[in-house]
Amino acid sequence: MTGLLLHFGATMTCAHPPGLANLPAPGQQRVLVSAQPVATTADTFLVAGCTLVGPGTAPCVSIKWTNPSTRVWVNQLPVLLQPSPPPSPGAGLSTSTPPAPPMVQAAQTRVWGM
């Protein structure tokens, strides 16, 4: 599957706004797109401000990306791919109960991978 390379400067929210999801620190800093480090499977997106509340639910704490590249690797790790240009749902799932995909608000739109 093809997709845009996800990077450190991408802006996204969890499925329960205004929960802001971001990479606290890029795992690698050698490969850049739009002057930002590319995200790999070693990176963890943390969520702050998730508003999911209720019995039997748990708020979003982090997001696990489910669409890594099969052909583009950085430091022996697959890069993360965003299947469609933003704004669009991300190819990941939150740690909330029930899990939900994040919403990618802004990301680079020039570099694609497989």
Protein backbone atom coordinates (compact mmCIF):
# COMPACT_ATOMS: atom_id res chain seq x y z
CA MET A 1 0.00 0.00 0.00
CA THR A 2 1.30 3.46 -0.83
CA GLY A 3 1.10 6.49 1.41
CA LEU A 4 2.68 9.76 2.42
CA LEU A 5 5.70 9.51 4.70
CA LEU A 6 4.62 10.62 8.16
CA HIS A 7 6.97 13.00 9.94
CA PHE A 8 7.71 14.54 13.33
CA GLY A 9 5.89 17.82 12.52
CA ALA A 10 2.57 16.21 11.51
CA THR A 11 -0.44 17.57 13.39
CA MET A 12 -3.09 15.10 14.53
CA THR A 13 -5.76 14.60 17.15
CA CYS A 14 -7.16 11.47 18.69
CA ALA A 15 -10.70 10.49 17.71
CA HIS A 16 -12.03 12.47 20.69
CA PRO A 17 -11.12 16.15 20.16
CA PRO A 18 -9.39 18.15 21.43
CA GLY A 19 -6.97 15.29 22.26
CA LEU A 20 -3.69 16.33 20.61
CA ALA A 21 -1.39 13.51 19.46
CA ASN A 22 2.29 14.12 18.81
CA LEU A 23 5.73 12.58 18.84
CA PRO A 24 7.51 13.88 21.94
CA ALA A 25 10.92 13.32 20.31
CA PRO A 26 11.85 11.87 16.93
CA GLY A 27 13.56 8.49 17.09
CA GLN A 28 15.89 9.34 14.23
CA GLN A 29 17.11 12.67 12.86
CA ARG A 30 19.05 11.75 9.72
CA VAL A 31 16.24 11.37 7.16
CA LEU A 32 14.03 14.45 6.73
CA VAL A 33 10.93 15.46 4.78
CA SER A 34 9.74 19.07 4.91
CA ALA A 35 12.75 19.71 7.21
CA GLN A 36 11.29 17.31 9.81
CA PRO A 37 12.50 13.81 10.79
CA VAL A 38 10.59 10.91 9.25
CA ALA A 39 8.60 8.79 11.75
CA THR A 40 9.43 5.07 12.01
CA THR A 41 7.91 2.10 13.81
CA ALA A 42 10.13 2.92 16.80
CA ASP A 43 8.24 6.19 17.40
CA THR A 44 5.30 6.44 19.82
CA PHE A 45 2.59 9.06 19.45
CA LEU A 46 1.41 10.33 22.83
CA VAL A 47 -2.05 11.84 23.35
CA ALA A 48 -2.84 14.74 25.69
CA GLY A 49 -6.34 16.02 26.44
CA CYS A 50 -8.50 13.12 25.26
CA THR A 51 -12.12 13.76 26.26
CA LEU A 52 -13.39 10.15 26.15
CA VAL A 53 -15.22 9.48 29.41
CA GLY A 54 -17.89 7.07 30.50
CA PRO A 55 -18.44 3.67 32.04
CA GLY A 56 -16.40 0.93 30.38
CA THR A 57 -14.24 3.36 28.44
CA ALA A 58 -10.65 4.49 28.79
CA PRO A 59 -9.20 7.71 27.31
CA CYS A 60 -6.55 7.73 24.59
CA VAL A 61 -3.00 7.71 25.92
CA SER A 62 -1.02 6.78 22.81
CA ILE A 63 -1.49 5.81 19.16
CA LYS A 64 0.03 2.75 17.50
CA TRP A 65 0.52 3.21 13.76
CA THR A 66 -0.73 0.20 11.75
CA ASN A 67 0.52 1.15 8.26
CA PRO A 68 4.31 0.87 8.10
CA SER A 69 6.14 0.86 4.80
CA THR A 70 7.25 -2.43 3.27
CA ARG A 71 9.89 -0.85 1.02
CA VAL A 72 11.13 2.36 2.66
CA TRP A 73 13.30 1.91 5.75
CA VAL A 74 15.30 4.30 7.92
CA ASN A 75 17.94 2.94 10.32
CA GLN A 76 16.65 -0.61 9.63
CA LEU A 77 13.10 0.37 10.66
CA PRO A 78 10.06 0.82 8.37
CA VAL A 79 8.79 4.38 8.02
CA LEU A 80 5.16 5.19 8.85
CA LEU A 81 2.76 5.92 5.99
CA GLN A 82 -0.36 8.09 5.93
CA PRO A 83 -2.70 6.60 3.27
CA SER A 84 -4.33 9.86 2.14
CA PRO A 85 -3.55 13.59 2.23
CA PRO A 86 -4.74 15.46 5.32
CA PRO A 87 -7.19 16.21 6.71
CA SER A 88 -8.05 12.52 6.85
CA PRO A 89 -8.18 9.59 9.26
CA GLY A 90 -4.77 8.20 10.17
CA ALA A 91 -3.65 4.62 9.71
CA GLY A 92 -3.33 3.92 13.40
CA LEU A 93 -5.35 2.99 16.45
CA SER A 94 -5.51 4.64 19.84
CA THR A 95 -5.10 2.84 23.13
CA SER A 96 -8.58 3.95 24.18
CA THR A 97 -11.42 1.58 24.87
CA PRO A 98 -12.77 1.14 22.22
CA PRO A 99 -9.77 1.81 19.90
CA ALA A 100 -10.26 4.52 17.28
CA PRO A 101 -8.14 6.00 14.47
CA PRO A 102 -6.54 9.44 14.88
CA MET A 103 -7.38 12.38 12.61
CA VAL A 104 -4.34 13.76 10.75
CA GLN A 105 -4.87 17.52 10.37
CA ALA A 106 -1.61 18.52 8.66
CA ALA A 107 1.39 16.65 7.25
CA GLN A 108 3.80 16.89 4.34
CA THR A 109 2.24 15.98 0.98
CA ARG A 110 5.23 15.66 -1.34
CA VAL A 111 6.99 12.39 -0.46
CA TRP A 112 5.23 9.07 -0.98
CA GLY A 113 6.40 5.56 -0.13
CA MET A 114 5.31 1.95 -0.36
